[in-house]
Amino acid sequence: MLVTGASRGIGRAAATLFAAGGDRVAVHHRDSTPLAEQLVAELPGEGHLVVRADLADPDEVRAMVDDAADRLGGLDVLVNNAGVFGSVDPGHPLFDSSYEQWQQQWRRTLDVNLLGVANTIWCAARHLRQPGGRIVNVSSRGAFRGEPTQPAYGASKAGLNSLGQSLAVALAPYGIAVATVAPGFVETDMTNEHLKAPRGDAIRAQSPFNRVARPEEIAAAVHWLASPEAEWASGTIVDLNGASYLRT
């Protein structure tokens, strides 16, 4: 199986959980070689490997996926976890960004969070087991709630939701299920600056549990959605935000 963005956060927790269940894991990273190699060394079981690519580069994506599939002898599961959030503060609000900054943020965010995932899926689908293959995408609460200062991020995750549902229909005849998780704030490197005081207290208060998620909690949902028992969940988007944002 292949987990993108697996050197940290949710991806790291997912890779650990899958390995504990007996899976051989390809740990993808962009520029975190020491962390990725450390994780592979610590994973239970054998046969795990490190692969690298900038998901904004289609050629690197294709080479990375083919390398993972060749070394693993195929793919059963693809977890699309890697993503970028843009600058932390102030983001790219419409009236406080130059046109050049606006273009830069949109291009980089969509290239990784949406096009990068689409390209990874295109490449991985040719290696996924039929029937029985699984694709799980990691989206965000921001796709529904909106991201006023990070609109490119919110839009990229909304597009990812639609992509996942479209492909759930397209790939079902091949026995491949596609599902999505949409977390709220999670304790990861990407959210670390946001969770510092004083803003962190307000973020934690968004949930009636008065905390944010742990990566392991999101990984548990990803692990189930990738299981044989979860085929009928194909096309679903699972909210994992501690009741911080409710939708019907």
C-alpha atoms as a PDB file:
ATOM      1  CA  MET A   1       0.000   0.000   0.000  1.00  0.00           C
ATOM      2  CA  LEU A   2       1.028   3.620  -0.552  1.00  0.00           C
ATOM      3  CA  VAL A   3       0.491   6.505   1.872  1.00  0.00           C
ATOM      4  CA  THR A   4       1.352   9.993   0.620  1.00  0.00           C
ATOM      5  CA  GLY A   5       2.663  12.541   3.089  1.00  0.00           C
ATOM      6  CA  ALA A   6       3.468   9.685   5.442  1.00  0.00           C
ATOM      7  CA  SER A   7       6.491  11.090   7.248  1.00  0.00           C
ATOM      8  CA  ARG A   8       4.367  13.206   9.604  1.00  0.00           C
ATOM      9  CA  GLY A   9       0.967  13.599  11.221  1.00  0.00           C
ATOM     10  CA  ILE A  10      -2.017  11.686   9.890  1.00  0.00           C
ATOM     11  CA  GLY A  11       0.038   9.935   7.232  1.00  0.00           C
ATOM     12  CA  ARG A  12       2.555   8.698   9.766  1.00  0.00           C
ATOM     13  CA  ALA A  13      -0.206   7.429  12.046  1.00  0.00           C
ATOM     14  CA  ALA A  14      -1.911   5.697   9.107  1.00  0.00           C
ATOM     15  CA  ALA A  15       1.291   4.043   7.919  1.00  0.00           C
ATOM     16  CA  THR A  16       1.922   2.765  11.450  1.00  0.00           C
ATOM     17  CA  LEU A  17      -1.586   1.350  11.790  1.00  0.00           C
ATOM     18  CA  PHE A  18      -1.524  -0.403   8.414  1.00  0.00           C
ATOM     19  CA  ALA A  19       1.909  -1.878   9.129  1.00  0.00           C
ATOM     20  CA  ALA A  20       0.683  -3.135  12.509  1.00  0.00           C
ATOM     21  CA  GLY A  21      -2.059  -4.961  10.608  1.00  0.00           C
ATOM     22  CA  GLY A  22       0.449  -6.756   8.415  1.00  0.00           C
ATOM     23  CA  ASP A  23       0.552  -4.472   5.366  1.00  0.00           C
ATOM     24  CA  ARG A  24       3.744  -3.530   3.579  1.00  0.00           C
ATOM     25  CA  VAL A  25       3.789   0.257   3.318  1.00  0.00           C
ATOM     26  CA  ALA A  26       5.374   2.643   0.840  1.00  0.00           C
ATOM     27  CA  VAL A  27       6.050   5.825   2.827  1.00  0.00           C
ATOM     28  CA  HIS A  28       5.910   8.853   0.545  1.00  0.00           C
ATOM     29  CA  HIS A  29       7.468  12.224   1.345  1.00  0.00           C
ATOM     30  CA  ARG A  30       8.566  15.333  -0.535  1.00  0.00           C
ATOM     31  CA  ASP A  31      11.505  16.696   1.447  1.00  0.00           C
ATOM     32  CA  SER A  32      11.579  14.737   4.731  1.00  0.00           C
ATOM     33  CA  THR A  33      14.008  11.917   4.003  1.00  0.00           C
ATOM     34  CA  PRO A  34      15.266  11.483   7.605  1.00  0.00           C
ATOM     35  CA  LEU A  35      11.751  11.332   9.025  1.00  0.00           C
ATOM     36  CA  ALA A  36      10.553   8.909   6.337  1.00  0.00           C
ATOM     37  CA  GLU A  37      13.542   6.626   6.800  1.00  0.00           C
ATOM     38  CA  GLN A  38      13.117   6.717  10.570  1.00  0.00           C
ATOM     39  CA  LEU A  39       9.471   5.739  10.237  1.00  0.00           C
ATOM     40  CA  VAL A  40      10.244   2.822   7.923  1.00  0.00           C
ATOM     41  CA  ALA A  41      12.855   1.598  10.385  1.00  0.00           C
ATOM     42  CA  GLU A  42      10.321   1.722  13.223  1.00  0.00           C
ATOM     43  CA  LEU A  43       7.339   0.166  11.442  1.00  0.00           C
ATOM     44  CA  PRO A  44       6.373  -3.327  12.548  1.00  0.00           C
ATOM     45  CA  GLY A  45       6.871  -6.042   9.971  1.00  0.00           C
ATOM     46  CA  GLU A  46       9.159  -6.095   6.963  1.00  0.00           C
ATOM     47  CA  GLY A  47       9.267  -4.913   3.360  1.00  0.00           C
ATOM     48  CA  HIS A  48       8.385  -1.265   3.948  1.00  0.00           C
ATOM     49  CA  LEU A  49      10.014   1.354   1.749  1.00  0.00           C
ATOM     50  CA  VAL A  50      10.505   5.082   1.216  1.00  0.00           C
ATOM     51  CA  VAL A  51       9.438   6.851  -1.986  1.00  0.00           C
ATOM     52  CA  ARG A  52       9.809  10.534  -2.825  1.00  0.00           C
ATOM     53  CA  ALA A  53       7.993  12.980  -5.105  1.00  0.00           C
ATOM     54  CA  ASP A  54       6.780  16.542  -5.296  1.00  0.00           C
ATOM     55  CA  LEU A  55       3.093  15.935  -5.970  1.00  0.00           C
ATOM     56  CA  ALA A  56       2.949  19.186  -7.945  1.00  0.00           C
ATOM     57  CA  ASP A  57       5.187  17.548 -10.570  1.00  0.00           C
ATOM     58  CA  PRO A  58       3.250  15.028 -12.708  1.00  0.00           C
ATOM     59  CA  ASP A  59       6.410  13.255 -13.870  1.00  0.00           C
ATOM     60  CA  GLU A  60       7.652  12.790 -10.315  1.00  0.00           C
ATOM     61  CA  VAL A  61       4.234  11.478  -9.290  1.00  0.00           C
ATOM     62  CA  ARG A  62       4.213   8.855 -12.012  1.00  0.00           C
ATOM     63  CA  ALA A  63       7.762   7.724 -11.265  1.00  0.00           C
ATOM     64  CA  MET A  64       7.010   7.538  -7.528  1.00  0.00           C
ATOM     65  CA  VAL A  65       3.823   5.490  -7.886  1.00  0.00           C
ATOM     66  CA  ASP A  66       5.376   3.098 -10.412  1.00  0.00           C
ATOM     67  CA  ASP A  67       8.400   2.658  -8.139  1.00  0.00           C
ATOM     68  CA  ALA A  68       6.202   1.878  -5.130  1.00  0.00           C
ATOM     69  CA  ALA A  69       4.076  -0.587  -7.080  1.00  0.00           C
ATOM     70  CA  ASP A  70       7.096  -2.327  -8.606  1.00  0.00           C
ATOM     71  CA  ARG A  71       8.868  -2.744  -5.264  1.00  0.00           C
ATOM     72  CA  LEU A  72       5.703  -3.861  -3.458  1.00  0.00           C
ATOM     73  CA  GLY A  73       4.523  -6.137  -6.231  1.00  0.00           C
ATOM     74  CA  GLY A  74       1.352  -4.102  -6.831  1.00  0.00           C
ATOM     75  CA  LEU A  75      -0.946  -1.948  -4.713  1.00  0.00           C
ATOM     76  CA  ASP A  76      -3.961  -2.812  -2.604  1.00  0.00           C
ATOM     77  CA  VAL A  77      -4.549   0.582  -0.994  1.00  0.00           C
ATOM     78  CA  LEU A  78      -3.762   4.220  -1.827  1.00  0.00           C
ATOM     79  CA  VAL A  79      -4.119   6.814   0.933  1.00  0.00           C
ATOM     80  CA  ASN A  80      -3.969  10.371  -0.417  1.00  0.00           C
ATOM     81  CA  ASN A  81      -2.943  12.269   2.686  1.00  0.00           C
ATOM     82  CA  ALA A  82      -0.305  14.763   1.503  1.00  0.00           C
ATOM     83  CA  GLY A  83      -1.427  18.380   1.260  1.00  0.00           C
ATOM     84  CA  VAL A  84      -0.408  21.988   1.704  1.00  0.00           C
ATOM     85  CA  PHE A  85      -2.238  24.699   3.605  1.00  0.00           C
ATOM     86  CA  GLY A  86      -0.442  27.809   2.389  1.00  0.00           C
ATOM     87  CA  SER A  87       1.065  30.505   4.543  1.00  0.00           C
ATOM     88  CA  VAL A  88      -0.109  30.457   8.148  1.00  0.00           C
ATOM     89  CA  ASP A  89      -0.624  34.150   8.786  1.00  0.00           C
ATOM     90  CA  PRO A  90      -2.348  36.006   7.241  1.00  0.00           C
ATOM     91  CA  GLY A  91      -2.998  33.434   4.517  1.00  0.00           C
ATOM     92  CA  HIS A  92      -4.208  34.952   1.254  1.00  0.00           C
ATOM     93  CA  PRO A  93      -7.354  36.964   2.030  1.00  0.00           C
ATOM     94  CA  LEU A  94      -8.773  38.605  -1.059  1.00  0.00           C
ATOM     95  CA  PHE A  95      -8.137  42.257  -0.233  1.00  0.00           C
ATOM     96  CA  ASP A  96      -4.844  41.732   1.598  1.00  0.00           C
ATOM     97  CA  SER A  97      -2.981  39.789  -1.099  1.00  0.00           C
ATOM     98  CA  SER A  98      -1.222  41.103  -4.157  1.00  0.00           C
ATOM     99  CA  TYR A  99      -2.331  39.614  -7.459  1.00  0.00           C
ATOM    100  CA  GLU A 100       1.018  37.797  -7.644  1.00  0.00           C
ATOM    101  CA  GLN A 101       0.593  36.350  -4.146  1.00  0.00           C
ATOM    102  CA  TRP A 102      -2.962  35.322  -4.965  1.00  0.00           C
ATOM    103  CA  GLN A 103      -1.831  33.467  -8.099  1.00  0.00           C
ATOM    104  CA  GLN A 104       1.044  31.795  -6.300  1.00  0.00           C
ATOM    105  CA  GLN A 105      -1.080  30.485  -3.457  1.00  0.00           C
ATOM    106  CA  TRP A 106      -3.827  29.161  -5.721  1.00  0.00           C
ATOM    107  CA  ARG A 107      -1.420  27.504  -8.124  1.00  0.00           C
ATOM    108  CA  ARG A 108       0.647  25.736  -5.469  1.00  0.00           C
ATOM    109  CA  THR A 109      -2.371  24.649  -3.420  1.00  0.00           C
ATOM    110  CA  LEU A 110      -4.342  23.233  -6.322  1.00  0.00           C
ATOM    111  CA  ASP A 111      -1.259  21.650  -7.882  1.00  0.00           C
ATOM    112  CA  VAL A 112      -0.671  19.582  -4.727  1.00  0.00           C
ATOM    113  CA  ASN A 113      -4.058  19.157  -3.065  1.00  0.00           C
ATOM    114  CA  LEU A 114      -6.182  18.486  -6.132  1.00  0.00           C
ATOM    115  CA  LEU A 115      -4.152  17.906  -9.294  1.00  0.00           C
ATOM    116  CA  GLY A 116      -1.484  16.030  -7.352  1.00  0.00           C
ATOM    117  CA  VAL A 117      -4.102  13.694  -5.920  1.00  0.00           C
ATOM    118  CA  ALA A 118      -5.792  13.253  -9.302  1.00  0.00           C
ATOM    119  CA  ASN A 119      -2.468  12.352 -10.885  1.00  0.00           C
ATOM    120  CA  THR A 120      -1.576   9.971  -8.063  1.00  0.00           C
ATOM    121  CA  ILE A 121      -4.911   8.204  -8.473  1.00  0.00           C
ATOM    122  CA  TRP A 122      -4.507   7.967 -12.266  1.00  0.00           C
ATOM    123  CA  CYS A 123      -1.122   6.327 -11.827  1.00  0.00           C
ATOM    124  CA  ALA A 124      -2.074   4.103  -8.880  1.00  0.00           C
ATOM    125  CA  ALA A 125      -5.321   2.841 -10.418  1.00  0.00           C
ATOM    126  CA  ARG A 126      -3.301   0.941 -13.003  1.00  0.00           C
ATOM    127  CA  HIS A 127      -1.653  -1.036 -10.220  1.00  0.00           C
ATOM    128  CA  LEU A 128      -4.563  -1.439  -7.779  1.00  0.00           C
ATOM    129  CA  ARG A 129      -5.970  -4.885  -7.198  1.00  0.00           C
ATOM    130  CA  GLN A 130      -9.212  -5.543  -9.087  1.00  0.00           C
ATOM    131  CA  PRO A 131     -11.450  -6.302  -7.314  1.00  0.00           C
ATOM    132  CA  GLY A 132     -10.599  -5.217  -3.790  1.00  0.00           C
ATOM    133  CA  GLY A 133      -8.517  -2.091  -4.318  1.00  0.00           C
ATOM    134  CA  ARG A 134      -9.133   0.867  -2.029  1.00  0.00           C
ATOM    135  CA  ILE A 135      -8.536   4.604  -2.324  1.00  0.00           C
ATOM    136  CA  VAL A 136      -8.971   6.827   0.741  1.00  0.00           C
ATOM    137  CA  ASN A 137      -8.616  10.607   0.399  1.00  0.00           C
ATOM    138  CA  VAL A 138      -7.930  12.971   3.292  1.00  0.00           C
ATOM    139  CA  SER A 139     -10.025  16.108   2.820  1.00  0.00           C
ATOM    140  CA  SER A 140     -11.003  18.739   5.396  1.00  0.00           C
ATOM    141  CA  ARG A 141     -13.829  20.321   7.310  1.00  0.00           C
ATOM    142  CA  GLY A 142     -12.851  23.465   5.420  1.00  0.00           C
ATOM    143  CA  ALA A 143     -14.397  22.057   2.250  1.00  0.00           C
ATOM    144  CA  PHE A 144     -17.818  22.569   3.851  1.00  0.00           C
ATOM    145  CA  ARG A 145     -17.266  25.332   6.367  1.00  0.00           C
ATOM    146  CA  GLY A 146     -15.136  27.501   4.092  1.00  0.00           C
ATOM    147  CA  GLU A 147     -11.680  28.982   4.685  1.00  0.00           C
ATOM    148  CA  PRO A 148     -11.997  32.800   4.561  1.00  0.00           C
ATOM    149  CA  THR A 149      -8.258  33.491   4.738  1.00  0.00           C
ATOM    150  CA  GLN A 150      -7.214  30.308   2.920  1.00  0.00           C
ATOM    151  CA  PRO A 151      -9.774  30.059   0.096  1.00  0.00           C
ATOM    152  CA  ALA A 152      -7.480  28.017  -2.148  1.00  0.00           C
ATOM    153  CA  TYR A 153      -7.231  25.345   0.537  1.00  0.00           C
ATOM    154  CA  GLY A 154     -10.994  25.168   1.053  1.00  0.00           C
ATOM    155  CA  ALA A 155     -11.619  25.036  -2.688  1.00  0.00           C
ATOM    156  CA  SER A 156      -8.985  22.342  -3.201  1.00  0.00           C
ATOM    157  CA  LYS A 157     -10.587  20.124  -0.567  1.00  0.00           C
ATOM    158  CA  ALA A 158     -14.084  20.701  -1.953  1.00  0.00           C
ATOM    159  CA  GLY A 159     -12.737  19.644  -5.329  1.00  0.00           C
ATOM    160  CA  LEU A 160     -11.151  16.595  -3.710  1.00  0.00           C
ATOM    161  CA  ASN A 161     -14.520  15.595  -2.264  1.00  0.00           C
ATOM    162  CA  SER A 162     -16.109  15.783  -5.693  1.00  0.00           C
ATOM    163  CA  LEU A 163     -13.211  13.893  -7.258  1.00  0.00           C
ATOM    164  CA  GLY A 164     -13.580  11.100  -4.733  1.00  0.00           C
ATOM    165  CA  GLN A 165     -17.298  10.744  -5.314  1.00  0.00           C
ATOM    166  CA  SER A 166     -16.912  10.822  -9.092  1.00  0.00           C
ATOM    167  CA  LEU A 167     -14.289   8.098  -8.981  1.00  0.00           C
ATOM    168  CA  ALA A 168     -16.314   6.035  -6.505  1.00  0.00           C
ATOM    169  CA  VAL A 169     -18.868   5.646  -9.290  1.00  0.00           C
ATOM    170  CA  ALA A 170     -16.306   5.243 -12.066  1.00  0.00           C
ATOM    171  CA  LEU A 171     -14.204   2.601 -10.298  1.00  0.00           C
ATOM    172  CA  ALA A 172     -16.959   0.517  -8.682  1.00  0.00           C
ATOM    173  CA  PRO A 173     -17.297  -1.723 -11.779  1.00  0.00           C
ATOM    174  CA  TYR A 174     -13.628  -2.646 -11.250  1.00  0.00           C
ATOM    175  CA  GLY A 175     -14.230  -3.539  -7.615  1.00  0.00           C
ATOM    176  CA  ILE A 176     -12.296  -0.503  -6.369  1.00  0.00           C
ATOM    177  CA  ALA A 177     -13.884   1.525  -3.562  1.00  0.00           C
ATOM    178  CA  VAL A 178     -13.139   5.228  -3.005  1.00  0.00           C
ATOM    179  CA  ALA A 179     -13.925   7.068   0.230  1.00  0.00           C
ATOM    180  CA  THR A 180     -12.956  10.313   1.940  1.00  0.00           C
ATOM    181  CA  VAL A 181     -12.382  11.547   5.475  1.00  0.00           C
ATOM    182  CA  ALA A 182     -12.871  15.233   6.333  1.00  0.00           C
ATOM    183  CA  PRO A 183     -11.097  16.101   9.589  1.00  0.00           C
ATOM    184  CA  GLY A 184     -11.268  19.335  11.494  1.00  0.00           C
ATOM    185  CA  PHE A 185      -8.145  20.543  13.266  1.00  0.00           C
ATOM    186  CA  VAL A 186      -5.648  17.782  14.027  1.00  0.00           C
ATOM    187  CA  GLU A 187      -2.431  17.921  16.039  1.00  0.00           C
ATOM    188  CA  THR A 188       0.059  17.922  13.152  1.00  0.00           C
ATOM    189  CA  ASP A 189       3.038  19.938  11.976  1.00  0.00           C
ATOM    190  CA  MET A 190       0.769  21.699   9.481  1.00  0.00           C
ATOM    191  CA  THR A 191      -1.492  23.042  12.248  1.00  0.00           C
ATOM    192  CA  ASN A 192       1.141  23.587  14.917  1.00  0.00           C
ATOM    193  CA  GLU A 193       1.342  27.358  14.505  1.00  0.00           C
ATOM    194  CA  HIS A 194      -2.443  27.702  14.567  1.00  0.00           C
ATOM    195  CA  LEU A 195      -2.733  25.746  17.814  1.00  0.00           C
ATOM    196  CA  LYS A 196      -0.329  27.930  19.773  1.00  0.00           C
ATOM    197  CA  ALA A 197      -1.727  30.371  22.327  1.00  0.00           C
ATOM    198  CA  PRO A 198      -3.765  32.465  22.257  1.00  0.00           C
ATOM    199  CA  ARG A 199      -5.473  31.273  19.076  1.00  0.00           C
ATOM    200  CA  GLY A 200      -5.133  27.610  20.030  1.00  0.00           C
ATOM    201  CA  ASP A 201      -7.571  27.952  22.922  1.00  0.00           C
ATOM    202  CA  ALA A 202     -10.232  29.343  20.598  1.00  0.00           C
ATOM    203  CA  ILE A 203      -9.660  26.557  18.095  1.00  0.00           C
ATOM    204  CA  ARG A 204      -9.972  23.860  20.746  1.00  0.00           C
ATOM    205  CA  ALA A 205     -13.164  25.500  22.014  1.00  0.00           C
ATOM    206  CA  GLN A 206     -14.770  24.993  18.594  1.00  0.00           C
ATOM    207  CA  SER A 207     -15.424  21.406  19.653  1.00  0.00           C
ATOM    208  CA  PRO A 208     -17.602  20.611  22.680  1.00  0.00           C
ATOM    209  CA  PHE A 209     -14.821  18.172  23.642  1.00  0.00           C
ATOM    210  CA  ASN A 210     -12.561  21.241  23.972  1.00  0.00           C
ATOM    211  CA  ARG A 211      -9.699  19.687  22.034  1.00  0.00           C
ATOM    212  CA  VAL A 212      -8.543  18.894  18.524  1.00  0.00           C
ATOM    213  CA  ALA A 213      -8.104  15.453  17.014  1.00  0.00           C
ATOM    214  CA  ARG A 214      -5.121  13.199  17.434  1.00  0.00           C
ATOM    215  CA  PRO A 215      -3.626  11.818  14.197  1.00  0.00           C
ATOM    216  CA  GLU A 216      -4.346   8.289  15.393  1.00  0.00           C
ATOM    217  CA  GLU A 217      -8.085   9.021  15.498  1.00  0.00           C
ATOM    218  CA  ILE A 218      -8.131  10.005  11.840  1.00  0.00           C
ATOM    219  CA  ALA A 219      -5.892   7.086  10.915  1.00  0.00           C
ATOM    220  CA  ALA A 220      -8.355   4.654  12.514  1.00  0.00           C
ATOM    221  CA  ALA A 221     -11.117   5.834  10.176  1.00  0.00           C
ATOM    222  CA  VAL A 222      -8.798   5.663   7.174  1.00  0.00           C
ATOM    223  CA  HIS A 223      -7.821   2.125   8.124  1.00  0.00           C
ATOM    224  CA  TRP A 224     -11.436   0.979   8.315  1.00  0.00           C
ATOM    225  CA  LEU A 225     -12.391   2.621   5.016  1.00  0.00           C
ATOM    226  CA  ALA A 226      -9.551   0.712   3.360  1.00  0.00           C
ATOM    227  CA  SER A 227     -10.761  -2.623   4.745  1.00  0.00           C
ATOM    228  CA  PRO A 228     -12.665  -5.280   2.784  1.00  0.00           C
ATOM    229  CA  GLU A 229     -15.690  -4.692   5.034  1.00  0.00           C
ATOM    230  CA  ALA A 230     -15.958  -1.038   3.965  1.00  0.00           C
ATOM    231  CA  GLU A 231     -16.772  -1.506   0.284  1.00  0.00           C
ATOM    232  CA  TRP A 232     -20.329  -0.244   0.834  1.00  0.00           C
ATOM    233  CA  ALA A 233     -18.937   3.012   2.214  1.00  0.00           C
ATOM    234  CA  SER A 234     -17.569   3.867  -1.229  1.00  0.00           C
ATOM    235  CA  GLY A 235     -18.498   7.420  -2.171  1.00  0.00           C
ATOM    236  CA  THR A 236     -18.934   8.554   1.423  1.00  0.00           C
ATOM    237  CA  ILE A 237     -17.311  11.556   3.090  1.00  0.00           C
ATOM    238  CA  VAL A 238     -16.794  10.959   6.806  1.00  0.00           C
ATOM    239  CA  ASP A 239     -16.797  14.044   9.045  1.00  0.00           C
ATOM    240  CA  LEU A 240     -14.177  13.764  11.789  1.00  0.00           C
ATOM    241  CA  ASN A 241     -14.292  17.091  13.575  1.00  0.00           C
ATOM    242  CA  GLY A 242     -15.469  16.425  17.130  1.00  0.00           C
ATOM    243  CA  ALA A 243     -18.858  18.078  16.485  1.00  0.00           C
ATOM    244  CA  SER A 244     -17.084  21.369  15.756  1.00  0.00           C
ATOM    245  CA  TYR A 245     -18.979  21.715  12.483  1.00  0.00           C
ATOM    246  CA  LEU A 246     -22.247  19.951  11.771  1.00  0.00           C
ATOM    247  CA  ARG A 247     -23.839  19.482   8.376  1.00  0.00           C
ATOM    248  CA  THR A 248     -26.873  17.597   7.122  1.00  0.00           C
END
